[in-house]
């Protein structure tokens, strides 16, 4: 079950509290968190037992869980690697791998979520004299955006980190337009 692996009520309450904080950080509705978690748990259970291929590792179970959280709780918005690390009690590096594997495993279902998240980031970008300053909390998202630019718009400048910052990047006008179209 998504709420707690042990059924411990204390763990369930802590999970709900942590999830509520993350939803606030993402500017999402916190009003009905318990119902959203129940919906995600039911989706996870359904997916697990109706899957043609049995889940044989913890990473596969986490991928199903993250997929269900993204689609049922986060409203198809991608959480940051740090938020994933907090929810799953894993390292940021493991969270990056989990996000990458989940997006790869559920590519067709999560492509819209990825593009929607990118557009949301770009809409809040700050105009610079020669591009835009954008806050991206996921190195995986930056990597994927640069891959898409290399493949589909090779003449566009790649997204680059600004001044040794951990989360702020510069994106060119043409690259921004490409993602917003």
N, C-alpha and C. Protein backbone atom coordinates (compact mmCIF):
# COMPACT_ATOMS: atom_id res chain seq x y z
N UNK A 1 0.85 -1.18 0.00
CA UNK A 1 0.00 0.00 0.00
C UNK A 1 0.89 1.24 0.00
N UNK A 2 0.42 2.27 -0.60
CA UNK A 2 1.23 3.47 -0.79
C UNK A 2 1.47 4.22 0.52
N UNK A 3 0.53 4.16 1.42
CA UNK A 3 0.63 4.95 2.64
C UNK A 3 1.73 4.43 3.56
N UNK A 4 1.79 3.14 3.72
CA UNK A 4 2.79 2.59 4.63
C UNK A 4 3.07 1.16 4.25
N UNK A 5 4.32 0.81 4.22
CA UNK A 5 4.68 -0.57 3.92
C UNK A 5 4.37 -1.50 5.09
N UNK A 6 4.30 -0.97 6.29
CA UNK A 6 4.09 -1.80 7.47
C UNK A 6 2.67 -1.70 8.01
N UNK A 7 1.90 -0.75 7.51
CA UNK A 7 0.56 -0.54 8.04
C UNK A 7 0.56 0.30 9.30
N UNK A 8 1.68 0.80 9.69
CA UNK A 8 1.84 1.60 10.89
C UNK A 8 1.15 2.95 10.70
N UNK A 9 0.20 3.28 11.59
CA UNK A 9 -0.54 4.52 11.48
C UNK A 9 0.37 5.74 11.60
N UNK A 10 1.39 5.67 12.44
CA UNK A 10 2.33 6.77 12.60
C UNK A 10 3.05 7.04 11.27
N UNK A 11 3.49 5.97 10.59
CA UNK A 11 4.14 6.14 9.29
C UNK A 11 3.18 6.76 8.29
N UNK A 12 1.93 6.32 8.30
CA UNK A 12 0.92 6.86 7.38
C UNK A 12 0.74 8.35 7.60
N UNK A 13 0.63 8.75 8.87
CA UNK A 13 0.45 10.17 9.18
C UNK A 13 1.66 10.98 8.76
N UNK A 14 2.85 10.44 8.97
CA UNK A 14 4.08 11.13 8.57
C UNK A 14 4.13 11.28 7.05
N UNK A 15 3.74 10.22 6.33
CA UNK A 15 3.72 10.27 4.87
C UNK A 15 2.76 11.35 4.38
N UNK A 16 1.56 11.41 4.95
CA UNK A 16 0.56 12.41 4.58
C UNK A 16 1.09 13.81 4.86
N UNK A 17 1.74 13.98 6.01
CA UNK A 17 2.30 15.29 6.37
C UNK A 17 3.39 15.70 5.38
N UNK A 18 4.29 14.79 5.07
CA UNK A 18 5.39 15.07 4.13
C UNK A 18 4.82 15.39 2.74
N UNK A 19 3.85 14.60 2.32
CA UNK A 19 3.23 14.82 1.01
C UNK A 19 2.52 16.16 0.96
N UNK A 20 1.85 16.55 2.03
CA UNK A 20 1.17 17.85 2.09
C UNK A 20 2.17 18.99 1.93
N UNK A 21 3.31 18.87 2.60
CA UNK A 21 4.35 19.90 2.48
C UNK A 21 4.88 20.00 1.05
N UNK A 22 5.07 18.87 0.41
CA UNK A 22 5.56 18.86 -0.97
C UNK A 22 4.51 19.46 -1.91
N UNK A 23 3.25 19.14 -1.70
CA UNK A 23 2.19 19.72 -2.53
C UNK A 23 2.16 21.25 -2.38
N UNK A 24 2.36 21.74 -1.17
CA UNK A 24 2.42 23.19 -0.96
C UNK A 24 3.60 23.79 -1.71
N UNK A 25 4.76 23.13 -1.64
CA UNK A 25 5.95 23.61 -2.36
C UNK A 25 5.70 23.68 -3.87
N UNK A 26 4.89 22.75 -4.37
CA UNK A 26 4.60 22.69 -5.81
C UNK A 26 3.40 23.57 -6.19
N UNK A 27 2.87 24.33 -5.22
CA UNK A 27 1.69 25.17 -5.43
C UNK A 27 0.48 24.37 -5.90
N UNK A 28 0.31 23.19 -5.33
CA UNK A 28 -0.82 22.33 -5.67
C UNK A 28 -1.78 22.30 -4.48
N UNK A 29 -3.03 21.91 -4.75
CA UNK A 29 -4.07 21.86 -3.73
C UNK A 29 -3.75 20.81 -2.67
N UNK A 30 -3.82 21.20 -1.43
CA UNK A 30 -3.50 20.31 -0.32
C UNK A 30 -4.78 19.82 0.35
N UNK A 31 -5.92 20.35 -0.05
CA UNK A 31 -7.18 20.11 0.63
C UNK A 31 -7.59 18.67 0.82
N UNK A 32 -7.34 17.82 -0.13
CA UNK A 32 -7.87 16.47 -0.07
C UNK A 32 -6.77 15.43 -0.20
N UNK A 33 -5.69 15.60 0.51
CA UNK A 33 -4.50 14.76 0.37
C UNK A 33 -4.81 13.29 0.65
N UNK A 34 -5.56 13.03 1.71
CA UNK A 34 -5.82 11.63 2.08
C UNK A 34 -6.59 10.91 0.98
N UNK A 35 -7.56 11.56 0.37
CA UNK A 35 -8.30 10.93 -0.73
C UNK A 35 -7.39 10.69 -1.93
N UNK A 36 -6.54 11.67 -2.24
CA UNK A 36 -5.61 11.51 -3.36
C UNK A 36 -4.66 10.34 -3.12
N UNK A 37 -4.19 10.20 -1.89
CA UNK A 37 -3.29 9.09 -1.55
C UNK A 37 -4.02 7.76 -1.67
N UNK A 38 -5.26 7.72 -1.21
CA UNK A 38 -6.05 6.49 -1.36
C UNK A 38 -6.25 6.14 -2.83
N UNK A 39 -6.53 7.14 -3.67
CA UNK A 39 -6.68 6.89 -5.11
C UNK A 39 -5.38 6.36 -5.71
N UNK A 40 -4.26 6.96 -5.31
CA UNK A 40 -2.96 6.51 -5.81
C UNK A 40 -2.66 5.09 -5.32
N UNK A 41 -3.00 4.80 -4.06
CA UNK A 41 -2.76 3.47 -3.51
C UNK A 41 -3.59 2.43 -4.26
N UNK A 42 -4.84 2.76 -4.54
CA UNK A 42 -5.69 1.83 -5.29
C UNK A 42 -5.13 1.62 -6.70
N UNK A 43 -4.69 2.69 -7.33
CA UNK A 43 -4.09 2.59 -8.67
C UNK A 43 -2.83 1.72 -8.62
N UNK A 44 -2.01 1.92 -7.60
CA UNK A 44 -0.79 1.11 -7.44
C UNK A 44 -1.15 -0.36 -7.26
N UNK A 45 -2.11 -0.64 -6.41
CA UNK A 45 -2.55 -2.01 -6.17
C UNK A 45 -3.08 -2.65 -7.45
N UNK A 46 -3.93 -1.90 -8.16
CA UNK A 46 -4.49 -2.40 -9.42
C UNK A 46 -3.39 -2.67 -10.44
N UNK A 47 -2.48 -1.74 -10.56
CA UNK A 47 -1.39 -1.88 -11.52
C UNK A 47 -0.50 -3.08 -11.16
N UNK A 48 -0.22 -3.23 -9.89
CA UNK A 48 0.65 -4.31 -9.43
C UNK A 48 0.04 -5.67 -9.71
N UNK A 49 -1.24 -5.82 -9.45
CA UNK A 49 -1.86 -7.13 -9.60
C UNK A 49 -2.40 -7.41 -11.00
N UNK A 50 -2.49 -6.39 -11.83
CA UNK A 50 -2.96 -6.63 -13.20
C UNK A 50 -1.81 -6.62 -14.20
N UNK A 51 -0.61 -6.41 -13.72
CA UNK A 51 0.57 -6.35 -14.59
C UNK A 51 0.87 -7.72 -15.18
N UNK A 52 1.18 -7.73 -16.47
CA UNK A 52 1.53 -8.97 -17.15
C UNK A 52 2.91 -9.46 -16.70
N UNK A 53 3.77 -8.51 -16.33
CA UNK A 53 5.10 -8.87 -15.85
C UNK A 53 5.14 -8.61 -14.34
N UNK A 54 5.47 -9.63 -13.57
CA UNK A 54 5.51 -9.41 -12.11
C UNK A 54 6.63 -8.45 -11.72
N UNK A 55 6.37 -7.69 -10.68
CA UNK A 55 7.37 -6.78 -10.16
C UNK A 55 8.33 -7.58 -9.30
N UNK A 56 9.60 -7.55 -9.67
CA UNK A 56 10.56 -8.42 -9.00
C UNK A 56 11.61 -7.66 -8.19
N UNK A 57 11.56 -6.35 -8.20
CA UNK A 57 12.57 -5.60 -7.44
C UNK A 57 11.94 -4.39 -6.78
N UNK A 58 12.63 -3.90 -5.77
CA UNK A 58 12.18 -2.70 -5.06
C UNK A 58 12.11 -1.52 -6.02
N UNK A 59 13.06 -1.42 -6.93
CA UNK A 59 13.06 -0.29 -7.87
C UNK A 59 11.83 -0.30 -8.76
N UNK A 60 11.37 -1.48 -9.18
CA UNK A 60 10.15 -1.55 -9.99
C UNK A 60 8.93 -1.13 -9.18
N UNK A 61 8.88 -1.53 -7.94
CA UNK A 61 7.76 -1.16 -7.07
C UNK A 61 7.77 0.36 -6.85
N UNK A 62 8.95 0.93 -6.65
CA UNK A 62 9.06 2.38 -6.48
C UNK A 62 8.65 3.11 -7.75
N UNK A 63 8.98 2.57 -8.90
CA UNK A 63 8.58 3.19 -10.16
C UNK A 63 7.06 3.23 -10.28
N UNK A 64 6.40 2.12 -9.95
CA UNK A 64 4.93 2.08 -9.99
C UNK A 64 4.37 3.10 -9.01
N UNK A 65 4.95 3.15 -7.82
CA UNK A 65 4.48 4.08 -6.78
C UNK A 65 4.65 5.53 -7.23
N UNK A 66 5.82 5.86 -7.78
CA UNK A 66 6.05 7.22 -8.25
C UNK A 66 5.12 7.57 -9.40
N UNK A 67 4.93 6.64 -10.32
CA UNK A 67 3.99 6.86 -11.44
C UNK A 67 2.60 7.18 -10.90
N UNK A 68 2.13 6.40 -9.94
CA UNK A 68 0.80 6.63 -9.37
C UNK A 68 0.72 7.96 -8.62
N UNK A 69 1.78 8.33 -7.92
CA UNK A 69 1.79 9.62 -7.24
C UNK A 69 1.75 10.77 -8.25
N UNK A 70 2.52 10.65 -9.32
CA UNK A 70 2.54 11.72 -10.33
C UNK A 70 1.16 11.87 -10.96
N UNK A 71 0.54 10.76 -11.33
CA UNK A 71 -0.74 10.85 -12.04
C UNK A 71 -1.93 11.15 -11.13
N UNK A 72 -1.91 10.64 -9.90
CA UNK A 72 -3.08 10.79 -9.02
C UNK A 72 -2.95 11.90 -7.99
N UNK A 73 -1.76 12.17 -7.52
CA UNK A 73 -1.60 13.14 -6.44
C UNK A 73 -1.04 14.46 -6.95
N UNK A 74 -0.01 14.41 -7.78
CA UNK A 74 0.65 15.63 -8.24
C UNK A 74 -0.01 16.24 -9.47
N UNK A 75 -1.12 15.69 -9.92
CA UNK A 75 -1.83 16.27 -11.06
C UNK A 75 -0.97 16.30 -12.32
N UNK A 76 -0.21 15.24 -12.54
CA UNK A 76 0.67 15.11 -13.71
C UNK A 76 1.76 16.18 -13.75
N UNK A 77 2.16 16.66 -12.60
CA UNK A 77 3.29 17.57 -12.48
C UNK A 77 4.44 16.79 -11.87
N UNK A 78 5.64 16.96 -12.38
CA UNK A 78 6.77 16.20 -11.86
C UNK A 78 7.33 16.82 -10.58
N UNK A 79 7.50 16.00 -9.55
CA UNK A 79 8.16 16.51 -8.35
C UNK A 79 9.67 16.61 -8.61
N UNK A 80 10.35 17.40 -7.82
CA UNK A 80 11.80 17.53 -7.96
C UNK A 80 12.48 16.27 -7.39
N UNK A 81 13.74 16.12 -7.72
CA UNK A 81 14.49 14.98 -7.21
C UNK A 81 14.57 15.03 -5.68
N UNK A 82 14.71 16.23 -5.14
CA UNK A 82 14.78 16.39 -3.69
C UNK A 82 13.45 15.96 -3.05
N UNK A 83 12.34 16.33 -3.65
CA UNK A 83 11.03 15.94 -3.12
C UNK A 83 10.83 14.42 -3.19
N UNK A 84 11.28 13.83 -4.28
CA UNK A 84 11.20 12.36 -4.41
C UNK A 84 12.06 11.70 -3.33
N UNK A 85 13.25 12.24 -3.12
CA UNK A 85 14.14 11.69 -2.09
C UNK A 85 13.48 11.75 -0.71
N UNK A 86 12.80 12.85 -0.42
CA UNK A 86 12.10 12.98 0.87
C UNK A 86 10.98 11.96 1.01
N UNK A 87 10.19 11.80 -0.05
CA UNK A 87 9.05 10.88 0.02
C UNK A 87 9.47 9.42 0.15
N UNK A 88 10.49 9.05 -0.59
CA UNK A 88 10.90 7.65 -0.63
C UNK A 88 12.05 7.33 0.34
N UNK A 89 12.54 8.35 1.05
CA UNK A 89 13.64 8.17 1.99
C UNK A 89 14.86 7.54 1.31
N UNK A 90 15.25 8.18 0.19
CA UNK A 90 16.41 7.73 -0.58
C UNK A 90 17.32 8.92 -0.84
N UNK A 91 18.50 8.67 -1.36
CA UNK A 91 19.44 9.75 -1.64
C UNK A 91 18.98 10.53 -2.88
N UNK A 92 19.43 11.77 -3.04
CA UNK A 92 19.09 12.53 -4.24
C UNK A 92 19.54 11.82 -5.53
N UNK A 93 20.68 11.16 -5.48
CA UNK A 93 21.15 10.42 -6.65
C UNK A 93 20.20 9.27 -6.98
N UNK A 94 19.75 8.55 -5.97
CA UNK A 94 18.78 7.47 -6.19
C UNK A 94 17.45 8.03 -6.68
N UNK A 95 17.08 9.20 -6.19
CA UNK A 95 15.84 9.84 -6.62
C UNK A 95 15.92 10.22 -8.10
N UNK A 96 17.07 10.73 -8.53
CA UNK A 96 17.27 11.08 -9.94
C UNK A 96 17.13 9.84 -10.81
N UNK A 97 17.72 8.73 -10.36
CA UNK A 97 17.62 7.47 -11.10
C UNK A 97 16.18 6.97 -11.12
N UNK A 98 15.51 7.07 -9.98
CA UNK A 98 14.10 6.64 -9.91
C UNK A 98 13.24 7.47 -10.86
N UNK A 99 13.43 8.77 -10.88
CA UNK A 99 12.66 9.63 -11.79
C UNK A 99 12.94 9.27 -13.25
N UNK A 100 14.21 9.11 -13.58
CA UNK A 100 14.58 8.76 -14.96
C UNK A 100 13.98 7.42 -15.37
N UNK A 101 14.08 6.42 -14.51
CA UNK A 101 13.55 5.10 -14.83
C UNK A 101 12.03 5.10 -14.92
N UNK A 102 11.38 5.87 -14.06
CA UNK A 102 9.92 5.95 -14.09
C UNK A 102 9.46 6.63 -15.38
N UNK A 103 10.12 7.73 -15.75
CA UNK A 103 9.75 8.42 -17.00
C UNK A 103 10.02 7.54 -18.22
N UNK A 104 11.05 6.72 -18.16
CA UNK A 104 11.35 5.82 -19.27
C UNK A 104 10.34 4.66 -19.32
N UNK A 105 10.02 4.10 -18.16
CA UNK A 105 9.10 2.96 -18.11
C UNK A 105 7.67 3.34 -18.50
N UNK A 106 7.28 4.55 -18.17
CA UNK A 106 5.91 5.01 -18.44
C UNK A 106 5.93 6.20 -19.40
N UNK A 107 6.79 6.09 -20.41
CA UNK A 107 7.02 7.20 -21.35
C UNK A 107 5.73 7.74 -21.95
N UNK A 108 4.92 6.87 -22.52
CA UNK A 108 3.71 7.36 -23.20
C UNK A 108 2.74 8.01 -22.22
N UNK A 109 2.65 7.48 -21.00
CA UNK A 109 1.72 8.03 -20.02
C UNK A 109 2.24 9.32 -19.39
N UNK A 110 3.57 9.48 -19.30
CA UNK A 110 4.13 10.62 -18.59
C UNK A 110 4.74 11.69 -19.48
N UNK A 111 4.74 11.50 -20.81
CA UNK A 111 5.27 12.54 -21.70
C UNK A 111 4.55 13.87 -21.50
N UNK A 112 3.23 13.82 -21.37
CA UNK A 112 2.46 15.05 -21.15
C UNK A 112 2.86 15.72 -19.84
N UNK A 113 3.07 14.92 -18.81
CA UNK A 113 3.47 15.46 -17.50
C UNK A 113 4.82 16.15 -17.61
N UNK A 114 5.75 15.54 -18.35
CA UNK A 114 7.07 16.12 -18.51
C UNK A 114 6.97 17.46 -19.24
N UNK A 115 6.28 17.47 -20.37
CA UNK A 115 6.14 18.70 -21.17
C UNK A 115 5.39 19.76 -20.38
N UNK A 116 4.35 19.37 -19.67
CA UNK A 116 3.59 20.32 -18.85
C UNK A 116 4.47 20.93 -17.77
N UNK A 117 5.29 20.12 -17.14
CA UNK A 117 6.20 20.62 -16.10
C UNK A 117 7.21 21.59 -16.69
N UNK A 118 7.75 21.26 -17.87
CA UNK A 118 8.71 22.14 -18.53
C UNK A 118 8.05 23.47 -18.88
N UNK A 119 6.86 23.43 -19.44
CA UNK A 119 6.15 24.66 -19.80
C UNK A 119 5.88 25.52 -18.57
N UNK A 120 5.50 24.87 -17.48
CA UNK A 120 5.26 25.60 -16.24
C UNK A 120 6.53 26.30 -15.75
N UNK A 121 7.65 25.62 -15.84
CA UNK A 121 8.93 26.22 -15.46
C UNK A 121 9.26 27.42 -16.35
N UNK A 122 9.03 27.26 -17.65
CA UNK A 122 9.37 28.31 -18.62
C UNK A 122 8.48 29.54 -18.48
N UNK A 123 7.24 29.32 -18.11
CA UNK A 123 6.32 30.45 -17.95
C UNK A 123 6.71 31.33 -16.76
N UNK A 124 7.41 30.75 -15.80
CA UNK A 124 7.83 31.54 -14.65
C UNK A 124 9.27 32.03 -14.79
N UNK A 125 9.86 31.87 -15.96
CA UNK A 125 11.25 32.29 -16.20
C UNK A 125 11.37 33.81 -16.20
N UNK A 126 12.51 34.27 -15.75
CA UNK A 126 12.80 35.70 -15.68
C UNK A 126 13.59 36.12 -16.92
N UNK A 127 13.15 37.19 -17.57
CA UNK A 127 13.79 37.67 -18.80
C UNK A 127 15.16 38.26 -18.49
N UNK A 128 16.14 37.86 -19.28
CA UNK A 128 17.48 38.43 -19.24
C UNK A 128 17.69 39.17 -20.56
N UNK A 129 18.82 39.86 -20.71
CA UNK A 129 19.05 40.59 -21.97
C UNK A 129 19.27 39.63 -23.15
N UNK A 130 19.78 38.42 -22.87
CA UNK A 130 20.07 37.50 -23.97
C UNK A 130 19.45 36.11 -23.75
N UNK A 131 18.30 36.06 -23.12
CA UNK A 131 17.62 34.80 -22.88
C UNK A 131 16.74 34.89 -21.65
N UNK A 132 16.65 33.79 -20.93
CA UNK A 132 15.81 33.72 -19.73
C UNK A 132 16.54 33.01 -18.62
N UNK A 133 16.24 33.42 -17.40
CA UNK A 133 16.75 32.75 -16.20
C UNK A 133 15.62 31.86 -15.71
N UNK A 134 15.92 30.59 -15.55
CA UNK A 134 14.88 29.62 -15.18
C UNK A 134 15.35 28.79 -14.00
N UNK A 135 14.45 28.52 -13.07
CA UNK A 135 14.77 27.68 -11.92
C UNK A 135 14.30 26.26 -12.21
N UNK A 136 15.25 25.33 -12.22
CA UNK A 136 14.94 23.92 -12.45
C UNK A 136 15.62 23.13 -11.33
N UNK A 137 14.82 22.42 -10.54
CA UNK A 137 15.34 21.69 -9.39
C UNK A 137 15.70 20.24 -9.71
N UNK A 138 15.69 19.90 -10.98
CA UNK A 138 15.97 18.52 -11.37
C UNK A 138 17.02 18.48 -12.46
N UNK A 139 18.16 17.89 -12.15
CA UNK A 139 19.20 17.77 -13.16
C UNK A 139 18.75 16.85 -14.29
N UNK A 140 17.87 15.90 -13.98
CA UNK A 140 17.34 15.02 -15.02
C UNK A 140 16.51 15.81 -16.03
N UNK A 141 15.69 16.73 -15.55
CA UNK A 141 14.87 17.55 -16.44
C UNK A 141 15.76 18.39 -17.36
N UNK A 142 16.81 18.98 -16.81
CA UNK A 142 17.74 19.77 -17.63
C UNK A 142 18.39 18.88 -18.68
N UNK A 143 18.82 17.70 -18.27
CA UNK A 143 19.45 16.76 -19.19
C UNK A 143 18.49 16.36 -20.32
N UNK A 144 17.25 16.08 -19.98
CA UNK A 144 16.26 15.71 -21.00
C UNK A 144 15.95 16.87 -21.94
N UNK A 145 15.85 18.07 -21.39
CA UNK A 145 15.59 19.24 -22.23
C UNK A 145 16.75 19.45 -23.21
N UNK A 146 17.98 19.31 -22.74
CA UNK A 146 19.13 19.45 -23.62
C UNK A 146 19.16 18.35 -24.68
N UNK A 147 18.79 17.14 -24.31
CA UNK A 147 18.71 16.05 -25.29
C UNK A 147 17.68 16.35 -26.37
N UNK A 148 16.54 16.86 -25.95
CA UNK A 148 15.49 17.21 -26.91
C UNK A 148 15.97 18.32 -27.86
N UNK A 149 16.68 19.28 -27.30
CA UNK A 149 17.22 20.36 -28.14
C UNK A 149 18.24 19.81 -29.14
N UNK A 150 19.14 18.94 -28.68
CA UNK A 150 20.15 18.35 -29.58
C UNK A 150 19.49 17.59 -30.72
N UNK A 151 18.44 16.86 -30.42
CA UNK A 151 17.77 16.05 -31.44
C UNK A 151 16.88 16.85 -32.37
N UNK A 152 16.10 17.76 -31.82
CA UNK A 152 15.06 18.44 -32.59
C UNK A 152 15.38 19.86 -33.00
N UNK A 153 16.32 20.49 -32.33
CA UNK A 153 16.65 21.88 -32.61
C UNK A 153 18.15 22.08 -32.39
N UNK A 154 18.98 21.41 -33.20
CA UNK A 154 20.43 21.43 -32.96
C UNK A 154 21.07 22.82 -33.06
N UNK A 155 20.41 23.76 -33.71
CA UNK A 155 20.96 25.11 -33.83
C UNK A 155 20.75 25.94 -32.56
N UNK A 156 19.92 25.45 -31.64
CA UNK A 156 19.66 26.17 -30.38
C UNK A 156 20.79 25.95 -29.39
N UNK A 157 21.06 26.99 -28.62
CA UNK A 157 22.04 26.90 -27.54
C UNK A 157 21.49 25.99 -26.43
N UNK A 158 22.36 25.17 -25.86
CA UNK A 158 21.98 24.28 -24.77
C UNK A 158 21.68 25.09 -23.50
N UNK A 159 20.90 24.51 -22.62
CA UNK A 159 20.59 25.12 -21.34
C UNK A 159 21.84 25.01 -20.47
N UNK A 160 22.22 26.14 -19.85
CA UNK A 160 23.46 26.18 -19.07
C UNK A 160 23.19 26.70 -17.67
N UNK A 161 23.95 26.14 -16.73
CA UNK A 161 23.87 26.56 -15.33
C UNK A 161 24.36 28.01 -15.22
N UNK A 162 23.70 28.79 -14.39
CA UNK A 162 24.08 30.18 -14.16
C UNK A 162 24.98 30.30 -12.94
N UNK A 163 26.14 30.86 -13.10
CA UNK A 163 27.02 31.26 -11.99
C UNK A 163 27.14 30.24 -10.86
N UNK A 164 27.45 29.03 -11.16
CA UNK A 164 27.66 27.99 -10.13
C UNK A 164 26.44 27.78 -9.24
N UNK A 165 25.28 28.18 -9.69
CA UNK A 165 24.05 27.98 -8.94
C UNK A 165 23.64 26.51 -9.03
N UNK A 166 22.91 26.06 -8.04
CA UNK A 166 22.44 24.67 -8.08
C UNK A 166 21.13 24.52 -8.85
N UNK A 167 20.34 25.56 -8.91
CA UNK A 167 19.01 25.44 -9.51
C UNK A 167 18.71 26.42 -10.64
N UNK A 168 19.55 27.41 -10.86
CA UNK A 168 19.23 28.43 -11.86
C UNK A 168 20.03 28.21 -13.14
N UNK A 169 19.30 28.29 -14.26
CA UNK A 169 19.88 28.04 -15.56
C UNK A 169 19.51 29.15 -16.52
N UNK A 170 20.28 29.25 -17.60
CA UNK A 170 19.99 30.19 -18.67
C UNK A 170 19.50 29.40 -19.87
N UNK A 171 18.39 29.84 -20.43
CA UNK A 171 17.84 29.22 -21.63
C UNK A 171 17.70 30.31 -22.68
N UNK A 172 18.09 30.01 -23.90
CA UNK A 172 18.02 31.00 -24.98
C UNK A 172 16.56 31.25 -25.36
N UNK A 173 16.34 32.38 -26.04
CA UNK A 173 14.99 32.73 -26.50
C UNK A 173 14.44 31.65 -27.43
N UNK A 174 15.26 31.18 -28.37
CA UNK A 174 14.78 30.18 -29.34
C UNK A 174 14.50 28.84 -28.68
N UNK A 175 15.30 28.46 -27.70
CA UNK A 175 15.04 27.20 -26.99
C UNK A 175 13.75 27.31 -26.19
N UNK A 176 13.53 28.42 -25.55
CA UNK A 176 12.30 28.65 -24.79
C UNK A 176 11.09 28.56 -25.71
N UNK A 177 11.18 29.22 -26.85
CA UNK A 177 10.08 29.17 -27.82
C UNK A 177 9.81 27.74 -28.28
N UNK A 178 10.88 26.99 -28.50
CA UNK A 178 10.72 25.59 -28.94
C UNK A 178 9.89 24.79 -27.93
N UNK A 179 10.20 24.93 -26.65
CA UNK A 179 9.48 24.16 -25.63
C UNK A 179 8.08 24.68 -25.39
N UNK A 180 7.85 25.96 -25.60
CA UNK A 180 6.51 26.51 -25.39
C UNK A 180 5.55 26.25 -26.55
N UNK A 181 6.11 25.89 -27.71
CA UNK A 181 5.23 25.58 -28.87
C UNK A 181 4.59 24.23 -28.78
